[in-house]
Amino acid sequence: MSASPSPWWSPHRHADRRPALLTRNRIVASLRGHFAARDFVEVEAAALQVSPGNEAHLSAFATSVIGNDGAESRLYLHTSPEFACKKLLAAGETRLFSLARVFRNRERGPLHHPEFTMLEWYRAGQDYEVLMRDCAEILALAAEEAQVRTLRFRGRESDPFAAFERLTLAEAFERHAGIDLLATIAADGSTDRDALAAGLAARGLRVAPDDTWADLFSRVLVASIEPKLGDGRPTILCEYPVSEAALARPSPRDPRVAERFELYACGVELANAFGELTDPHEQRRRFEAEMAEKARVYGESYPIDEDFLAALAIMPEASGIALGLDRLVMLAVGAPRIDDVIWTPVADSPALSGSAA
C-alpha cells in the first residue's frame, strides 16, 4: 500500500509548488492591470446568495443564516458571481470584472475543485463576439507572465498566440460525430430526442431508454468533441442550441441556437460566454425548466432569485463571460492538476476524489 502524499503545507512540497503559485500571482496582477487599462471597474460579489444559480447540473453548498432573533433562513455559497454582476449592470455599471471565489459541490478531480477562482467580466452595449478578442488577449497575457510560448496539459499543446479556431456546435457534431445536430432542433428551440438518439445509435454510441435529448447531446459533446478541441491552437465553440444556453439570448441569425460560446485549449474548457438574455419572463421560464430537470435527476432544486429577475428587466443589452482562472494558470505552467496551482487546496478525501474527473 503506497504512502499518502505529503500535505501541501509540508516545506519540501511547498517548495516544489511555489514557482507555479508565484506565476499565478503575476497572472492575477497582470489581469487587474489589463482590465484597468480598458476602463473596467473591479467589483466584489457577496458569496452568500439567495440562489446559487439555476442550472440543472450545478450543485451548491447550502448554509443557515441566523438572525438577531435566532430565526434561521437558508442561503447558498454562489457557484458564480453572475447574478450579482448583472445586478450591477442594471445599477448602471458598464464595464466590470470580478475575481471571485466560487463554490461547487459534487466536483473534484484533475480539472475540478470545490472552491476555485472565477474571472468574470461584462460589457454593456457590446456584442458577445468582442469577448472572443478579449479571450485572445488574456491567453497571450497568461503565457507572457509564465514566460512560455505554449499552453500544455497532460501531453497536449496549444499556441496561445495563434488565431483561434472557430467552430459552431453544428459543425462540431458533423465533423467529429457525423450527426446533423440542427435537424433535431425545431425553429422554436424544442428538441427531438428520438432523432438525436437515432444519430447516436447509427454511430455506435450508447443510448439508454431514459436518456433525454440533453443527456444525448452532452454524451456526444464529452465523448466525441471536447477531446478534439484546442489542439495546436485554442478553439471557440459557438452557437449552442437554445436549450443548452439558459442565460443566453437566441441568435438573430437562427432561433435554434443561442449567442453562447466556450473557449478550449488542450482539450480543456476555459471559459463560457453569453450574449446576455435580458427578458425576465423568458429567463423565469428557463430557470423553472432547469430546476424541474434538477429535481428529476438529483431530487432537489434551488430557489429563483426574484431580485435578479427584477434587475434583469432594466439591465441593458450586454455580453458576459466566466473564465476559470485556476485552469488558465494550470495550462500556462503545464500543471497536471488544478490543486497544483491553488495556494491552499481543500483537503482531499476518498469521498471527494471519487467525484467527476
Protein backbone atom coordinates (compact mmCIF):
# COMPACT_ATOMS: atom_id res chain seq x y z
CA MET A 1 0.00 0.00 0.00
CA SER A 2 1.56 3.31 -1.09
CA ALA A 3 2.06 6.10 1.41
CA SER A 4 -0.18 9.17 1.25
CA PRO A 5 1.46 12.20 -0.39
CA SER A 6 2.79 14.91 1.88
CA PRO A 7 0.30 17.69 2.65
CA TRP A 8 0.57 20.86 0.59
CA TRP A 9 1.99 22.73 3.59
CA SER A 10 4.99 20.43 4.07
CA PRO A 11 8.07 22.56 3.33
CA HIS A 12 9.56 20.37 0.59
CA ARG A 13 6.25 20.05 -1.23
CA HIS A 14 5.54 23.76 -0.92
CA ALA A 15 8.98 24.48 -2.39
CA ASP A 16 8.02 22.43 -5.46
CA ARG A 17 4.63 24.15 -5.79
CA ARG A 18 5.82 27.70 -5.12
CA PRO A 19 7.07 28.65 -8.65
CA ALA A 20 3.64 27.89 -10.15
CA LEU A 21 1.90 29.79 -7.36
CA LEU A 22 4.09 32.85 -7.89
CA THR A 23 3.28 32.67 -11.60
CA ARG A 24 -0.39 32.63 -10.62
CA ASN A 25 0.16 35.86 -8.67
CA ARG A 26 1.83 37.51 -11.64
CA ILE A 27 -1.03 36.49 -13.93
CA VAL A 28 -3.61 37.87 -11.48
CA ALA A 29 -1.74 41.16 -11.14
CA SER A 30 -1.41 41.46 -14.90
CA LEU A 31 -5.12 40.74 -15.40
CA ARG A 32 -6.04 43.52 -12.99
CA GLY A 33 -3.82 45.92 -14.95
CA HIS A 34 -5.25 44.69 -18.24
CA PHE A 35 -8.83 45.44 -17.22
CA ALA A 36 -7.98 48.74 -15.53
CA ALA A 37 -6.30 49.94 -18.73
CA ARG A 38 -9.58 49.26 -20.56
CA ASP A 39 -11.74 51.22 -18.11
CA PHE A 40 -13.21 48.23 -16.31
CA VAL A 41 -14.05 48.56 -12.63
CA GLU A 42 -13.31 45.63 -10.32
CA VAL A 43 -16.28 44.55 -8.20
CA GLU A 44 -16.65 42.14 -5.28
CA ALA A 45 -19.74 39.93 -5.25
CA ALA A 46 -21.02 38.58 -1.94
CA ALA A 47 -20.52 34.82 -1.79
CA LEU A 48 -23.77 34.31 0.17
CA GLN A 49 -26.78 34.45 -2.13
CA VAL A 50 -30.50 33.62 -2.08
CA SER A 51 -29.92 31.36 -5.09
CA PRO A 52 -26.59 29.81 -6.05
CA GLY A 53 -27.62 29.63 -9.71
CA ASN A 54 -30.34 27.77 -11.58
CA GLU A 55 -28.58 25.37 -13.92
CA ALA A 56 -29.69 21.76 -13.59
CA HIS A 57 -26.28 20.16 -13.18
CA LEU A 58 -24.61 22.69 -10.89
CA SER A 59 -24.55 21.65 -7.23
CA ALA A 60 -24.13 24.19 -4.46
CA PHE A 61 -23.16 24.43 -0.79
CA ALA A 62 -26.01 25.50 1.49
CA THR A 63 -25.78 27.18 4.87
CA SER A 64 -28.09 28.56 7.55
CA VAL A 65 -28.07 32.25 8.40
CA ILE A 66 -29.19 33.03 11.95
CA GLY A 67 -30.76 36.42 12.62
CA ASN A 68 -30.55 38.51 15.78
CA ASP A 69 -33.83 36.95 16.89
CA GLY A 70 -32.47 33.43 16.45
CA ALA A 71 -34.56 32.71 13.37
CA GLU A 72 -32.82 30.69 10.65
CA SER A 73 -33.00 31.12 6.89
CA ARG A 74 -31.19 29.31 4.13
CA LEU A 75 -28.59 30.91 1.90
CA TYR A 76 -26.10 29.40 -0.55
CA LEU A 77 -22.48 29.95 -1.49
CA HIS A 78 -22.60 31.19 -5.06
CA THR A 79 -21.47 28.99 -7.95
CA SER A 80 -20.69 32.16 -9.93
CA PRO A 81 -20.85 35.93 -9.30
CA GLU A 82 -23.07 36.24 -12.38
CA PHE A 83 -26.33 37.29 -10.71
CA ALA A 84 -24.60 39.94 -8.62
CA CYS A 85 -22.65 41.29 -11.60
CA LYS A 86 -25.79 41.61 -13.70
CA LYS A 87 -27.50 43.50 -10.88
CA LEU A 88 -24.59 45.94 -11.04
CA LEU A 89 -25.14 46.29 -14.80
CA ALA A 90 -28.76 47.15 -14.01
CA ALA A 91 -27.49 49.67 -11.45
CA GLY A 92 -25.53 51.49 -14.15
CA GLU A 93 -22.07 49.94 -14.35
CA THR A 94 -21.00 49.48 -17.97
CA ARG A 95 -17.69 47.60 -17.78
CA LEU A 96 -16.94 45.43 -14.78
CA PHE A 97 -14.87 42.42 -13.81
CA SER A 98 -14.69 40.17 -10.77
CA LEU A 99 -12.08 37.73 -9.46
CA ALA A 100 -14.45 35.73 -7.26
CA ARG A 101 -14.02 32.68 -5.09
CA VAL A 102 -16.86 30.37 -6.08
CA PHE A 103 -18.07 27.05 -4.73
CA ARG A 104 -19.40 23.95 -6.49
CA ASN A 105 -20.38 20.72 -4.83
CA ARG A 106 -20.08 17.23 -6.36
CA GLU A 107 -16.89 18.34 -8.16
CA ARG A 108 -13.36 17.05 -7.51
CA GLY A 109 -10.73 15.88 -9.99
CA PRO A 110 -7.78 17.00 -12.10
CA LEU A 111 -9.83 19.91 -13.53
CA HIS A 112 -12.31 20.43 -10.69
CA HIS A 113 -12.02 21.76 -7.16
CA PRO A 114 -14.90 22.51 -4.75
CA GLU A 115 -13.62 26.07 -4.21
CA PHE A 116 -11.94 27.91 -7.07
CA THR A 117 -11.48 31.35 -8.63
CA MET A 118 -13.71 32.61 -11.43
CA LEU A 119 -12.75 35.58 -13.55
CA GLU A 120 -15.92 37.17 -14.94
CA TRP A 121 -16.25 40.32 -17.00
CA TYR A 122 -19.18 42.13 -18.60
CA ARG A 123 -19.54 44.72 -21.33
CA ALA A 124 -22.78 46.69 -21.53
CA GLY A 125 -23.88 47.57 -25.05
CA GLN A 126 -21.33 45.33 -26.78
CA ASP A 127 -21.72 42.14 -28.79
CA TYR A 128 -20.52 38.84 -27.36
CA GLU A 129 -18.03 38.45 -30.20
CA VAL A 130 -15.96 41.22 -28.57
CA LEU A 131 -15.37 38.71 -25.77
CA MET A 132 -13.59 36.43 -28.24
CA ARG A 133 -10.98 39.13 -28.78
CA ASP A 134 -10.75 39.60 -25.01
CA CYS A 135 -10.00 35.88 -24.65
CA ALA A 136 -7.19 36.05 -27.19
CA GLU A 137 -5.58 38.90 -25.26
CA ILE A 138 -5.94 37.11 -21.93
CA LEU A 139 -4.44 33.82 -23.12
CA ALA A 140 -1.47 35.70 -24.55
CA LEU A 141 -1.12 37.68 -21.30
CA ALA A 142 -1.04 34.48 -19.21
CA ALA A 143 1.59 32.91 -21.44
CA GLU A 144 3.75 36.02 -21.29
CA GLU A 145 3.61 36.15 -17.50
CA ALA A 146 4.52 32.44 -17.35
CA GLN A 147 7.30 33.08 -19.89
CA VAL A 148 6.08 30.32 -22.21
CA ARG A 149 5.04 30.15 -25.86
CA THR A 150 2.80 27.12 -25.49
CA LEU A 151 -0.05 26.11 -23.18
CA ARG A 152 0.24 22.49 -22.00
CA PHE A 153 -1.93 19.89 -20.31
CA ARG A 154 -1.05 16.21 -19.98
CA GLY A 155 0.88 15.90 -23.22
CA ARG A 156 -1.32 18.24 -25.26
CA GLU A 157 -0.27 21.66 -26.51
CA SER A 158 -1.96 24.83 -27.74
CA ASP A 159 -0.44 28.05 -29.09
CA PRO A 160 -2.00 30.99 -27.19
CA PHE A 161 -0.65 33.47 -29.76
CA ALA A 162 -2.22 31.74 -32.78
CA ALA A 163 -5.51 32.78 -34.40
CA PHE A 164 -8.31 30.86 -32.68
CA GLU A 165 -10.21 28.12 -34.49
CA ARG A 166 -13.93 28.96 -34.60
CA LEU A 167 -16.40 26.10 -34.76
CA THR A 168 -20.18 26.02 -34.33
CA LEU A 169 -21.80 23.16 -32.43
CA ALA A 170 -23.48 22.05 -35.66
CA GLU A 171 -20.11 21.94 -37.43
CA ALA A 172 -18.52 20.10 -34.50
CA PHE A 173 -21.27 17.44 -34.37
CA GLU A 174 -20.96 16.88 -38.12
CA ARG A 175 -17.15 16.83 -38.19
CA HIS A 176 -16.45 14.76 -35.09
CA ALA A 177 -19.59 12.61 -34.72
CA GLY A 178 -21.24 12.60 -38.17
CA ILE A 179 -24.53 13.86 -36.66
CA ASP A 180 -26.80 16.58 -38.07
CA LEU A 181 -27.50 18.40 -34.81
CA LEU A 182 -29.76 21.15 -36.18
CA ALA A 183 -32.04 18.55 -37.77
CA THR A 184 -33.03 17.57 -34.21
CA ILE A 185 -34.00 21.14 -33.18
CA ALA A 186 -37.21 22.91 -34.26
CA ALA A 187 -37.49 26.60 -35.11
CA ASP A 188 -38.97 27.30 -31.65
CA GLY A 189 -35.98 25.66 -29.96
CA SER A 190 -37.77 22.45 -28.99
CA THR A 191 -35.76 19.27 -29.45
CA ASP A 192 -36.40 15.84 -30.98
CA ARG A 193 -34.97 13.23 -28.63
CA ASP A 194 -35.66 10.27 -30.92
CA ALA A 195 -33.95 11.89 -33.90
CA LEU A 196 -30.80 12.55 -31.89
CA ALA A 197 -30.92 9.04 -30.39
CA ALA A 198 -31.03 7.57 -33.89
CA GLY A 199 -27.95 9.59 -34.82
CA LEU A 200 -26.04 8.25 -31.81
CA ALA A 201 -27.15 4.67 -32.38
CA ALA A 202 -26.07 4.81 -36.03
CA ARG A 203 -22.55 5.63 -34.87
CA GLY A 204 -22.39 3.04 -32.12
CA LEU A 205 -22.79 5.45 -29.22
CA ARG A 206 -24.71 4.29 -26.17
CA VAL A 207 -28.37 5.27 -25.86
CA ALA A 208 -30.38 4.44 -22.74
CA PRO A 209 -34.20 4.33 -22.72
CA ASP A 210 -34.43 7.13 -20.16
CA ASP A 211 -31.92 9.45 -21.86
CA THR A 212 -33.26 12.91 -22.62
CA TRP A 213 -32.16 14.98 -25.63
CA ALA A 214 -29.89 16.93 -23.28
CA ASP A 215 -28.32 13.69 -21.98
CA LEU A 216 -27.55 12.58 -25.54
CA PHE A 217 -26.21 15.99 -26.51
CA SER A 218 -23.85 16.01 -23.54
CA ARG A 219 -22.67 12.46 -24.24
CA VAL A 220 -21.60 13.33 -27.78
CA LEU A 221 -20.02 16.58 -26.65
CA VAL A 222 -17.96 14.95 -23.90
CA ALA A 223 -17.02 11.74 -25.71
CA SER A 224 -16.54 12.81 -29.31
CA ILE A 225 -16.00 16.58 -29.47
CA GLU A 226 -14.35 18.13 -26.41
CA PRO A 227 -11.25 15.87 -26.54
CA LYS A 228 -10.50 17.21 -30.03
CA LEU A 229 -10.80 20.92 -29.21
CA GLY A 230 -7.93 23.32 -28.66
CA ASP A 231 -5.22 21.09 -30.14
CA GLY A 232 -2.43 23.18 -31.63
CA ARG A 233 -4.39 26.39 -31.15
CA PRO A 234 -7.36 27.46 -28.98
CA THR A 235 -10.89 26.73 -30.18
CA ILE A 236 -14.02 28.87 -29.87
CA LEU A 237 -17.03 26.51 -29.81
CA CYS A 238 -20.09 28.66 -30.52
CA GLU A 239 -23.80 28.77 -31.35
CA TYR A 240 -25.04 26.34 -28.71
CA PRO A 241 -28.61 25.05 -29.01
CA VAL A 242 -31.01 27.41 -27.19
CA SER A 243 -31.96 24.59 -24.82
CA GLU A 244 -28.29 24.40 -23.71
CA ALA A 245 -27.89 28.13 -23.04
CA ALA A 246 -30.19 29.04 -20.16
CA LEU A 247 -28.83 32.56 -19.70
CA ALA A 248 -28.08 33.50 -23.33
CA ARG A 249 -30.27 35.23 -25.90
CA PRO A 250 -31.23 33.49 -29.16
CA SER A 251 -29.13 34.23 -32.23
CA PRO A 252 -30.75 36.73 -34.62
CA ARG A 253 -29.46 34.56 -37.49
CA ASP A 254 -31.01 31.26 -36.34
CA PRO A 255 -33.53 30.96 -33.47
CA ARG A 256 -32.49 27.35 -32.88
CA VAL A 257 -29.16 28.45 -31.44
CA ALA A 258 -28.03 30.97 -28.86
CA GLU A 259 -25.29 33.55 -28.51
CA ARG A 260 -23.11 31.31 -26.38
CA PHE A 261 -19.53 30.19 -26.86
CA GLU A 262 -16.97 28.23 -24.89
CA LEU A 263 -13.20 28.55 -25.12
CA TYR A 264 -10.99 25.45 -25.21
CA ALA A 265 -7.24 24.88 -25.15
CA CYS A 266 -5.53 21.48 -24.91
CA GLY A 267 -8.97 19.83 -24.68
CA VAL A 268 -9.73 21.86 -21.53
CA GLU A 269 -12.76 24.14 -21.27
CA LEU A 270 -11.50 27.53 -20.07
CA ALA A 271 -14.43 29.94 -20.47
CA ASN A 272 -18.16 30.19 -21.08
CA ALA A 273 -19.63 33.35 -22.67
CA PHE A 274 -23.07 34.75 -23.48
CA GLY A 275 -24.84 37.46 -25.31
CA GLU A 276 -26.94 38.04 -22.22
CA LEU A 277 -30.64 37.28 -22.08
CA THR A 278 -32.49 40.34 -20.71
CA ASP A 279 -36.11 39.13 -20.90
CA PRO A 280 -37.14 38.34 -17.29
CA HIS A 281 -40.20 36.34 -18.36
CA GLU A 282 -38.21 34.08 -20.66
CA GLN A 283 -35.48 33.82 -18.03
CA ARG A 284 -38.02 32.68 -15.43
CA ARG A 285 -39.37 30.05 -17.83
CA ARG A 286 -35.86 28.72 -18.45
CA PHE A 287 -34.97 28.68 -14.76
CA GLU A 288 -38.15 26.77 -13.93
CA ALA A 289 -37.35 24.22 -16.64
CA GLU A 290 -33.79 23.84 -15.34
CA MET A 291 -34.99 23.34 -11.78
CA ALA A 292 -37.57 20.78 -12.89
CA GLU A 293 -34.76 18.83 -14.55
CA LYS A 294 -32.60 19.17 -11.43
CA ALA A 295 -35.43 17.82 -9.29
CA ARG A 296 -35.84 14.89 -11.71
CA VAL A 297 -32.15 13.98 -11.72
CA TYR A 298 -30.97 14.94 -8.22
CA GLY A 299 -34.16 15.16 -6.16
CA GLU A 300 -33.54 18.80 -5.20
CA SER A 301 -33.87 22.30 -6.63
CA TYR A 302 -32.82 25.84 -5.75
CA PRO A 303 -34.97 28.93 -5.31
CA ILE A 304 -35.18 31.55 -8.04
CA ASP A 305 -33.68 34.91 -7.15
CA GLU A 306 -36.65 37.23 -7.67
CA ASP A 307 -34.40 40.23 -7.11
CA PHE A 308 -32.28 39.10 -10.05
CA LEU A 309 -35.31 38.84 -12.35
CA ALA A 310 -36.42 42.32 -11.29
CA ALA A 311 -32.97 43.70 -12.11
CA LEU A 312 -32.95 41.88 -15.44
CA ALA A 313 -35.98 43.92 -16.52
CA ILE A 314 -33.86 47.11 -16.51
CA MET A 315 -30.47 45.62 -17.36
CA PRO A 316 -29.01 46.95 -20.63
CA GLU A 317 -28.05 44.71 -23.52
CA ALA A 318 -24.69 43.22 -22.59
CA SER A 319 -22.22 40.41 -23.09
CA GLY A 320 -20.54 38.50 -20.30
CA ILE A 321 -18.07 35.68 -19.74
CA ALA A 322 -16.76 33.44 -16.97
CA LEU A 323 -13.19 32.09 -17.19
CA GLY A 324 -11.65 29.57 -14.82
CA LEU A 325 -8.55 31.33 -13.54
CA ASP A 326 -7.07 28.19 -11.98
CA ARG A 327 -7.37 26.26 -15.24
CA LEU A 328 -5.73 29.10 -17.15
CA VAL A 329 -2.79 29.05 -14.73
CA MET A 330 -2.62 25.24 -14.99
CA LEU A 331 -2.16 25.41 -18.74
CA ALA A 332 0.32 28.28 -18.53
CA VAL A 333 2.60 26.39 -16.13
CA GLY A 334 1.87 22.90 -17.50
CA ALA A 335 0.47 21.57 -14.21
CA PRO A 336 -1.36 18.19 -14.33
CA ARG A 337 -3.89 19.01 -11.58
CA ILE A 338 -5.83 22.08 -10.53
CA ASP A 339 -4.70 21.60 -6.90
CA ASP A 340 -1.14 22.34 -8.05
CA VAL A 341 -1.98 26.00 -8.75
CA ILE A 342 -4.19 26.75 -5.72
CA TRP A 343 -2.32 28.22 -2.75
CA THR A 344 -4.28 26.28 -0.10
CA PRO A 345 -6.26 23.48 -1.73
CA VAL A 346 -9.17 21.88 0.12
CA ALA A 347 -8.06 18.65 1.79
CA ASP A 348 -8.76 15.63 -0.40
CA SER A 349 -10.65 12.57 0.81
CA PRO A 350 -11.92 9.32 -0.75
CA ALA A 351 -15.43 10.82 -0.93
CA LEU A 352 -14.24 13.97 -2.68
CA SER A 353 -11.80 12.28 -5.05
CA GLY A 354 -14.50 9.83 -6.12
CA SER A 355 -16.43 12.58 -7.95
CA ALA A 356 -16.12 13.71 -11.55
CA ALA A 357 -12.65 13.99 -13.03
